[in-house]
């Protein structure tokens, strides 16, 4: 799946491997976004976006 991420210029991914005849799951996100994977299984990926304060230059 990392090849797809490279083609789409996506920096991060989390993959749940396939189980039997299923296809598996992948979540992709950009470098600027911080993500916390809270739980996963063969049917879902539960994640929370972590907000950060960005300092402004005056």
N, C-alpha and C. Protein backbone atom coordinates (compact mmCIF):
# COMPACT_ATOMS: atom_id res chain seq x y z
N UNK A 1 0.81 -1.19 0.00
CA UNK A 1 0.00 0.00 0.00
C UNK A 1 0.85 1.26 0.00
N UNK A 2 2.10 1.16 0.40
CA UNK A 2 2.96 2.34 0.43
C UNK A 2 3.18 2.90 -0.97
N UNK A 3 3.11 2.07 -2.00
CA UNK A 3 3.25 2.57 -3.37
C UNK A 3 2.11 3.52 -3.73
N UNK A 4 0.90 3.21 -3.29
CA UNK A 4 -0.24 4.09 -3.53
C UNK A 4 -0.04 5.41 -2.81
N UNK A 5 0.42 5.34 -1.57
CA UNK A 5 0.69 6.56 -0.81
C UNK A 5 1.73 7.43 -1.48
N UNK A 6 2.77 6.84 -2.03
CA UNK A 6 3.80 7.61 -2.74
C UNK A 6 3.23 8.27 -3.98
N UNK A 7 2.40 7.55 -4.74
CA UNK A 7 1.79 8.12 -5.95
C UNK A 7 0.88 9.29 -5.61
N UNK A 8 0.17 9.19 -4.48
CA UNK A 8 -0.75 10.26 -4.07
C UNK A 8 -0.05 11.34 -3.25
N UNK A 9 1.25 11.17 -3.00
CA UNK A 9 2.06 12.08 -2.19
C UNK A 9 1.51 12.17 -0.76
N UNK A 10 1.16 11.02 -0.20
CA UNK A 10 0.69 10.90 1.17
C UNK A 10 1.85 10.36 2.00
N UNK A 11 2.08 10.99 3.15
CA UNK A 11 3.26 10.67 3.95
C UNK A 11 3.10 9.50 4.92
N UNK A 12 1.90 9.30 5.45
CA UNK A 12 1.71 8.31 6.51
C UNK A 12 0.59 7.35 6.16
N UNK A 13 0.73 6.13 6.64
CA UNK A 13 -0.35 5.16 6.45
C UNK A 13 -0.36 4.16 7.60
N UNK A 14 -1.54 3.59 7.81
CA UNK A 14 -1.72 2.53 8.78
C UNK A 14 -2.51 1.44 8.07
N UNK A 15 -2.01 0.21 8.09
CA UNK A 15 -2.62 -0.88 7.34
C UNK A 15 -3.00 -2.02 8.27
N UNK A 16 -4.20 -2.54 8.07
CA UNK A 16 -4.65 -3.75 8.75
C UNK A 16 -4.60 -4.86 7.71
N UNK A 17 -3.81 -5.88 7.95
CA UNK A 17 -3.62 -6.97 6.98
C UNK A 17 -4.93 -7.69 6.69
N UNK A 18 -4.97 -8.29 5.51
CA UNK A 18 -6.15 -9.05 5.12
C UNK A 18 -6.28 -10.30 5.98
N UNK A 19 -7.51 -10.79 6.07
CA UNK A 19 -7.80 -11.98 6.86
C UNK A 19 -8.61 -12.93 5.98
N UNK A 20 -8.01 -14.03 5.57
CA UNK A 20 -8.71 -14.96 4.66
C UNK A 20 -8.87 -14.35 3.29
N UNK A 21 -10.10 -14.27 2.79
CA UNK A 21 -10.36 -13.73 1.46
C UNK A 21 -10.66 -12.23 1.47
N UNK A 22 -10.64 -11.61 2.65
CA UNK A 22 -10.89 -10.17 2.71
C UNK A 22 -9.70 -9.40 2.14
N UNK A 23 -9.91 -8.12 1.86
CA UNK A 23 -8.88 -7.29 1.23
C UNK A 23 -7.97 -6.55 2.20
N UNK A 24 -8.41 -6.33 3.44
CA UNK A 24 -7.64 -5.53 4.37
C UNK A 24 -8.05 -4.07 4.29
N UNK A 25 -7.49 -3.24 5.18
CA UNK A 25 -7.83 -1.82 5.25
C UNK A 25 -6.56 -0.99 5.32
N UNK A 26 -6.64 0.22 4.78
CA UNK A 26 -5.53 1.16 4.91
C UNK A 26 -6.09 2.55 5.14
N UNK A 27 -5.46 3.27 6.05
CA UNK A 27 -5.79 4.67 6.29
C UNK A 27 -4.57 5.49 5.91
N UNK A 28 -4.77 6.54 5.12
CA UNK A 28 -3.68 7.40 4.66
C UNK A 28 -3.89 8.82 5.19
N UNK A 29 -2.80 9.51 5.56
CA UNK A 29 -2.91 10.90 5.97
C UNK A 29 -1.60 11.62 5.70
N UNK A 30 -1.69 12.95 5.59
CA UNK A 30 -0.54 13.79 5.27
C UNK A 30 0.34 14.06 6.48
N UNK A 31 1.55 14.53 6.18
CA UNK A 31 2.55 14.82 7.20
C UNK A 31 2.07 15.86 8.20
N UNK A 32 1.32 16.87 7.73
CA UNK A 32 0.88 17.96 8.59
C UNK A 32 -0.14 17.50 9.64
N UNK A 33 -0.78 16.39 9.40
CA UNK A 33 -1.83 15.90 10.28
C UNK A 33 -1.26 14.88 11.26
N UNK A 34 -1.54 15.06 12.54
CA UNK A 34 -1.14 14.08 13.54
C UNK A 34 -2.34 13.23 13.88
N UNK A 35 -2.16 11.92 13.86
CA UNK A 35 -3.27 10.98 14.07
C UNK A 35 -2.90 10.00 15.17
N UNK A 36 -3.87 9.69 16.01
CA UNK A 36 -3.71 8.69 17.04
C UNK A 36 -4.66 7.53 16.72
N UNK A 37 -4.12 6.36 16.39
CA UNK A 37 -4.93 5.17 16.13
C UNK A 37 -5.36 4.63 17.48
N UNK A 38 -6.68 4.63 17.74
CA UNK A 38 -7.16 4.20 19.05
C UNK A 38 -7.53 2.73 19.09
N UNK A 39 -8.04 2.20 17.97
CA UNK A 39 -8.33 0.77 17.89
C UNK A 39 -8.50 0.37 16.43
N UNK A 40 -8.38 -0.93 16.18
CA UNK A 40 -8.57 -1.42 14.82
C UNK A 40 -8.84 -2.92 14.87
N UNK A 41 -9.48 -3.40 13.82
CA UNK A 41 -9.61 -4.83 13.57
C UNK A 41 -9.80 -5.01 12.08
N UNK A 42 -10.21 -6.17 11.65
CA UNK A 42 -10.32 -6.41 10.20
C UNK A 42 -11.48 -5.67 9.55
N UNK A 43 -12.34 -5.01 10.36
CA UNK A 43 -13.51 -4.31 9.82
C UNK A 43 -13.44 -2.79 9.96
N UNK A 44 -12.57 -2.28 10.81
CA UNK A 44 -12.52 -0.82 10.99
C UNK A 44 -11.16 -0.37 11.50
N UNK A 45 -10.90 0.93 11.31
CA UNK A 45 -9.76 1.62 11.92
C UNK A 45 -10.36 2.83 12.62
N UNK A 46 -10.18 2.92 13.93
CA UNK A 46 -10.68 4.05 14.70
C UNK A 46 -9.51 4.95 15.02
N UNK A 47 -9.59 6.21 14.58
CA UNK A 47 -8.49 7.15 14.78
C UNK A 47 -9.03 8.50 15.17
N UNK A 48 -8.18 9.25 15.88
CA UNK A 48 -8.51 10.62 16.26
C UNK A 48 -7.44 11.55 15.72
N UNK A 49 -7.88 12.65 15.14
CA UNK A 49 -6.95 13.68 14.69
C UNK A 49 -6.53 14.48 15.90
N UNK A 50 -5.23 14.70 16.05
CA UNK A 50 -4.69 15.46 17.18
C UNK A 50 -4.49 16.89 16.71
N UNK A 51 -5.18 17.81 17.37
CA UNK A 51 -5.06 19.23 17.02
C UNK A 51 -3.83 19.80 17.71
N UNK A 52 -3.13 20.66 17.00
CA UNK A 52 -1.98 21.34 17.57
C UNK A 52 -2.11 22.83 17.35
N UNK A 53 -1.67 23.58 18.32
CA UNK A 53 -1.61 25.04 18.16
C UNK A 53 -0.37 25.35 17.35
N UNK A 54 -0.54 26.15 16.31
CA UNK A 54 0.59 26.58 15.51
C UNK A 54 0.92 28.01 15.88
N UNK A 55 2.18 28.25 16.19
CA UNK A 55 2.61 29.60 16.55
C UNK A 55 2.63 30.49 15.31
N UNK A 56 2.19 31.71 15.47
CA UNK A 56 2.21 32.69 14.38
C UNK A 56 3.37 33.66 14.60
N UNK A 57 4.03 33.97 13.52
CA UNK A 57 5.09 34.97 13.59
C UNK A 57 4.47 36.34 13.35
N UNK A 58 4.79 37.28 14.21
CA UNK A 58 4.22 38.64 14.06
C UNK A 58 5.30 39.56 13.58
